[in-house]
Amino acid sequence: MNGIKTKHLKAFTLLEVLISIGLLGIIIVALFSTVSTMKDSNRQLLGYLQKAKKITKATKVLYLDIISSDGNITIKKDEFSRLCMEETKNSLYALSLAKVCWLVLKKDNTLVRVEGNNYHLPTKLEERVEVNPVMKHVELFDVYHKKDKVLVFLKQTGKAPISFMIQGITTPVPKKKVTKRNPNKKPRTGKVQIPPKPTGVRGQASAPHPRTPPPKQ
């Protein structure tokens, strides 16, 4: 055709199409593996954060139990420490004042929190307490109380150790007993004074002298 230029459009050959499909398949597989790895890492991170949150919550409760106590703290040492606060205002069960003990049970080395009123360890059948498991596989639970400082060490298997110190925890001074006085009771005097005996013979009172009448004028 005169004066008309024809354009030849280049098309992909069958070989080029197959190569591009193969490369696309490799890229898609790589993308899927990357997404799967990201999901696994996110899942592991979420689990770690949840465990860290539980540990943080446990240490926070323990901290509030100690700092809200009246200072009457007893610690018994064995394989693990046993910490008891006779009276604390930090109650999880709406008690005005609660006795709280932290101890490690032998089963799975489980750290538990025991709350109640005027109970003894081991608890008796008639004593009502609430036992809350805090964490398992505890390697270290050690508590020290010196003067006004309380130092706590806590470590779970495969986890970083946790330690914190609280100041200002003083032992309460025992109150002196005040005896009430009976208002109807007369007070005792020191010494009883005995009046002196009148003079006379052999301790008898002397007879009065007779009065003489005046002389008659």
Protein backbone atom coordinates (compact mmCIF):
# COMPACT_ATOMS: atom_id res chain seq x y z
CA MET A 1 0.00 0.00 0.00
CA ASN A 2 1.40 3.35 -1.06
CA GLY A 3 2.16 5.88 1.66
CA ILE A 4 1.01 3.66 4.51
CA LYS A 5 3.59 2.27 6.92
CA THR A 6 2.66 -0.97 8.56
CA LYS A 7 3.71 -1.64 12.18
CA HIS A 8 4.80 -5.10 13.14
CA LEU A 9 3.69 -5.84 16.78
CA LYS A 10 6.04 -8.07 18.70
CA ALA A 11 4.37 -10.88 20.66
CA PHE A 12 5.66 -13.23 23.35
CA THR A 13 6.68 -16.62 22.19
CA LEU A 14 5.41 -19.71 23.92
CA LEU A 15 8.79 -20.27 25.54
CA GLU A 16 8.83 -16.80 27.05
CA VAL A 17 5.33 -17.28 28.44
CA LEU A 18 6.32 -20.56 30.09
CA ILE A 19 9.44 -18.98 31.62
CA SER A 20 7.42 -16.06 33.04
CA ILE A 21 4.85 -18.46 34.52
CA GLY A 22 7.63 -20.45 36.17
CA LEU A 23 9.22 -17.34 37.64
CA LEU A 24 5.85 -16.12 38.89
CA GLY A 25 5.27 -19.48 40.58
CA ILE A 26 8.63 -19.25 42.35
CA ILE A 27 7.86 -15.69 43.56
CA ILE A 28 4.40 -16.70 44.82
CA VAL A 29 5.86 -19.64 46.77
CA ALA A 30 8.46 -17.33 48.30
CA LEU A 31 5.75 -14.82 49.24
CA PHE A 32 3.59 -17.50 50.85
CA SER A 33 6.53 -18.83 52.86
CA THR A 34 7.33 -15.29 54.02
CA VAL A 35 3.72 -14.69 55.07
CA SER A 36 3.65 -18.03 56.90
CA THR A 37 6.89 -17.19 58.71
CA MET A 38 5.48 -13.81 59.71
CA LYS A 39 2.31 -15.46 61.06
CA ASP A 40 4.36 -17.93 63.11
CA SER A 41 6.56 -15.18 64.50
CA ASN A 42 3.50 -13.07 65.35
CA ARG A 43 1.90 -16.05 67.06
CA GLN A 44 5.06 -16.68 69.09
CA LEU A 45 5.33 -13.00 69.96
CA LEU A 46 1.70 -12.94 71.07
CA GLY A 47 2.26 -15.98 73.27
CA TYR A 48 5.37 -14.41 74.76
CA LEU A 49 3.52 -11.16 75.45
CA GLN A 50 0.68 -13.04 77.10
CA LYS A 51 3.11 -14.94 79.33
CA ALA A 52 5.01 -11.75 80.09
CA LYS A 53 1.70 -10.09 80.94
CA LYS A 54 0.84 -12.92 83.34
CA ILE A 55 4.26 -12.67 85.01
CA THR A 56 3.95 -8.89 85.23
CA LYS A 57 0.48 -9.21 86.75
CA ALA A 58 1.73 -11.79 89.27
CA THR A 59 4.63 -9.62 90.38
CA LYS A 60 2.29 -6.63 90.61
CA VAL A 61 -0.10 -8.53 92.90
CA LEU A 62 2.80 -9.71 95.05
CA TYR A 63 4.13 -6.14 95.23
CA LEU A 64 0.72 -4.78 96.29
CA ASP A 65 0.30 -7.56 98.88
CA ILE A 66 3.58 -6.59 100.56
CA ILE A 67 3.26 -2.80 100.36
CA SER A 68 -0.37 -2.89 101.60
CA SER A 69 0.46 -5.06 104.62
CA ASP A 70 0.79 -3.89 108.21
CA GLY A 71 4.42 -5.02 108.31
CA ASN A 72 3.69 -8.25 110.20
CA ILE A 73 5.53 -10.49 107.72
CA THR A 74 6.79 -14.01 108.34
CA ILE A 75 9.26 -15.82 106.06
CA LYS A 76 10.11 -19.51 106.30
CA LYS A 77 13.03 -20.92 104.36
CA ASP A 78 13.07 -24.37 102.83
CA GLU A 79 13.75 -25.31 99.22
CA PHE A 80 11.71 -22.20 98.45
CA SER A 81 10.67 -19.31 100.63
CA ARG A 82 7.19 -19.13 102.14
CA LEU A 83 5.97 -15.58 102.57
CA CYS A 84 2.97 -14.73 104.74
CA MET A 85 1.40 -11.37 105.53
CA GLU A 86 -0.94 -11.51 108.51
CA GLU A 87 -2.93 -8.46 107.43
CA THR A 88 -2.98 -6.78 104.02
CA LYS A 89 -5.49 -4.45 102.41
CA ASN A 90 -4.82 -5.86 98.92
CA SER A 91 -7.61 -8.42 98.73
CA LEU A 92 -8.78 -10.11 95.53
CA TYR A 93 -12.02 -11.20 97.23
CA ALA A 94 -13.27 -7.94 98.78
CA LEU A 95 -11.99 -8.66 102.29
CA SER A 96 -11.32 -5.63 104.47
CA LEU A 97 -8.16 -7.24 105.83
CA ALA A 98 -6.84 -10.52 104.51
CA LYS A 99 -4.10 -12.93 105.41
CA VAL A 100 -2.10 -13.76 102.28
CA CYS A 101 0.60 -16.38 101.84
CA TRP A 102 2.81 -17.06 98.79
CA LEU A 103 4.38 -20.51 98.54
CA VAL A 104 5.61 -23.04 95.98
CA LEU A 105 3.81 -26.40 95.78
CA LYS A 106 5.75 -29.55 94.92
CA LYS A 107 3.49 -30.38 91.98
CA ASP A 108 5.14 -28.80 88.93
CA ASN A 109 6.82 -26.35 91.30
CA THR A 110 3.71 -24.17 91.12
CA LEU A 111 3.76 -20.77 92.82
CA VAL A 112 0.36 -20.15 94.45
CA ARG A 113 -1.29 -17.31 96.36
CA VAL A 114 -3.48 -18.24 99.35
CA GLU A 115 -5.96 -15.70 100.74
CA GLY A 116 -8.25 -15.98 103.73
CA ASN A 117 -8.76 -14.93 107.35
CA ASN A 118 -6.85 -16.31 110.35
CA TYR A 119 -5.92 -19.63 108.72
CA HIS A 120 -2.92 -21.86 109.26
CA LEU A 121 -0.68 -23.74 106.87
CA PRO A 122 -1.39 -26.52 106.15
CA THR A 123 -5.02 -25.44 106.15
CA LYS A 124 -7.67 -27.31 108.11
CA LEU A 125 -11.03 -28.50 106.80
CA GLU A 126 -13.02 -25.82 108.60
CA GLU A 127 -10.79 -23.01 107.31
CA ARG A 128 -11.99 -21.33 104.12
CA VAL A 129 -9.28 -20.01 101.81
CA GLU A 130 -8.88 -19.16 98.13
CA VAL A 131 -5.87 -20.66 96.31
CA ASN A 132 -4.78 -19.08 93.01
CA PRO A 133 -2.04 -20.73 90.91
CA VAL A 134 0.32 -18.04 89.62
CA MET A 135 3.00 -19.82 87.58
CA LYS A 136 4.47 -23.28 87.08
CA HIS A 137 8.04 -24.59 86.84
CA VAL A 138 9.44 -22.13 89.34
CA GLU A 139 13.19 -22.49 89.86
CA LEU A 140 13.65 -19.76 92.44
CA PHE A 141 11.39 -17.99 94.90
CA ASP A 142 13.36 -16.31 97.65
CA VAL A 143 12.35 -13.46 99.97
CA TYR A 144 14.42 -11.46 102.46
CA HIS A 145 13.18 -9.00 105.08
CA LYS A 146 15.68 -6.82 106.90
CA LYS A 147 14.77 -3.68 108.84
CA ASP A 148 12.31 -1.84 106.57
CA LYS A 149 13.29 -3.51 103.27
CA VAL A 150 11.78 -6.55 101.54
CA LEU A 151 13.74 -8.14 98.66
CA VAL A 152 12.09 -10.67 96.33
CA PHE A 153 13.76 -13.00 93.79
CA LEU A 154 11.65 -14.98 91.31
CA LYS A 155 12.67 -17.16 88.37
CA GLN A 156 10.73 -19.45 86.08
CA THR A 157 12.33 -22.16 83.96
CA GLY A 158 13.55 -20.72 80.66
CA LYS A 159 12.65 -17.16 81.66
CA ALA A 160 14.71 -14.22 82.80
CA PRO A 161 14.87 -13.77 86.59
CA ILE A 162 12.74 -11.09 88.25
CA SER A 163 13.74 -9.17 91.36
CA PHE A 164 12.39 -6.10 93.14
CA MET A 165 12.80 -4.38 96.48
CA ILE A 166 10.23 -2.57 98.61
CA GLN A 167 11.19 -0.05 101.28
CA GLY A 168 9.30 1.28 104.26
CA ILE A 169 7.90 -2.05 105.50
CA THR A 170 8.30 -1.77 109.28
CA THR A 171 7.28 -4.31 111.89
CA PRO A 172 4.33 -3.02 113.95
CA VAL A 173 5.04 -2.11 117.57
CA PRO A 174 2.95 -4.20 120.00
CA LYS A 175 0.36 -2.13 121.80
CA LYS A 176 0.60 -1.78 125.58
CA LYS A 177 -2.32 -3.08 127.62
CA VAL A 178 -4.18 -0.28 129.38
CA THR A 179 -5.97 -1.31 132.58
CA LYS A 180 -9.27 0.46 133.17
CA ARG A 181 -9.89 1.86 136.63
CA ASN A 182 -13.10 1.17 138.49
CA PRO A 183 -14.65 4.55 139.39
CA ASN A 184 -16.49 3.01 142.39
CA LYS A 185 -13.32 1.62 143.91
CA LYS A 186 -11.61 3.85 146.46
CA PRO A 187 -7.93 4.51 145.85
CA ARG A 188 -5.47 2.98 148.23
CA THR A 189 -3.39 5.27 150.42
CA GLY A 190 0.25 4.71 151.15
CA LYS A 191 0.49 4.49 154.94
CA VAL A 192 -2.21 4.35 157.58
CA GLN A 193 -1.55 6.85 160.35
CA ILE A 194 -2.42 5.65 163.87
CA PRO A 195 -3.42 8.41 166.29
CA PRO A 196 -1.25 8.63 169.45
CA LYS A 197 -2.59 7.05 172.63
CA PRO A 198 -3.55 9.38 175.49
CA THR A 199 -1.24 9.45 178.46
CA GLY A 200 -2.21 7.50 181.55
CA VAL A 201 -1.37 4.47 183.59
CA ARG A 202 -0.77 1.36 181.61
CA GLY A 203 -2.08 2.89 178.55
CA GLN A 204 -5.44 3.84 180.13
CA ALA A 205 -6.89 7.28 179.79
CA SER A 206 -6.23 9.51 182.83
CA ALA A 207 -9.20 10.67 184.83
CA PRO A 208 -9.92 14.39 184.75
CA HIS A 209 -8.87 16.40 187.87
CA PRO A 210 -11.81 17.45 190.09
CA ARG A 211 -12.46 21.15 190.14
CA THR A 212 -12.17 22.81 193.60
CA PRO A 213 -14.99 25.13 194.52
CA PRO A 214 -14.05 28.76 195.15
CA PRO A 215 -13.55 29.73 198.84
CA LYS A 216 -16.51 31.14 200.69
CA GLN A 217 -16.18 34.73 201.81
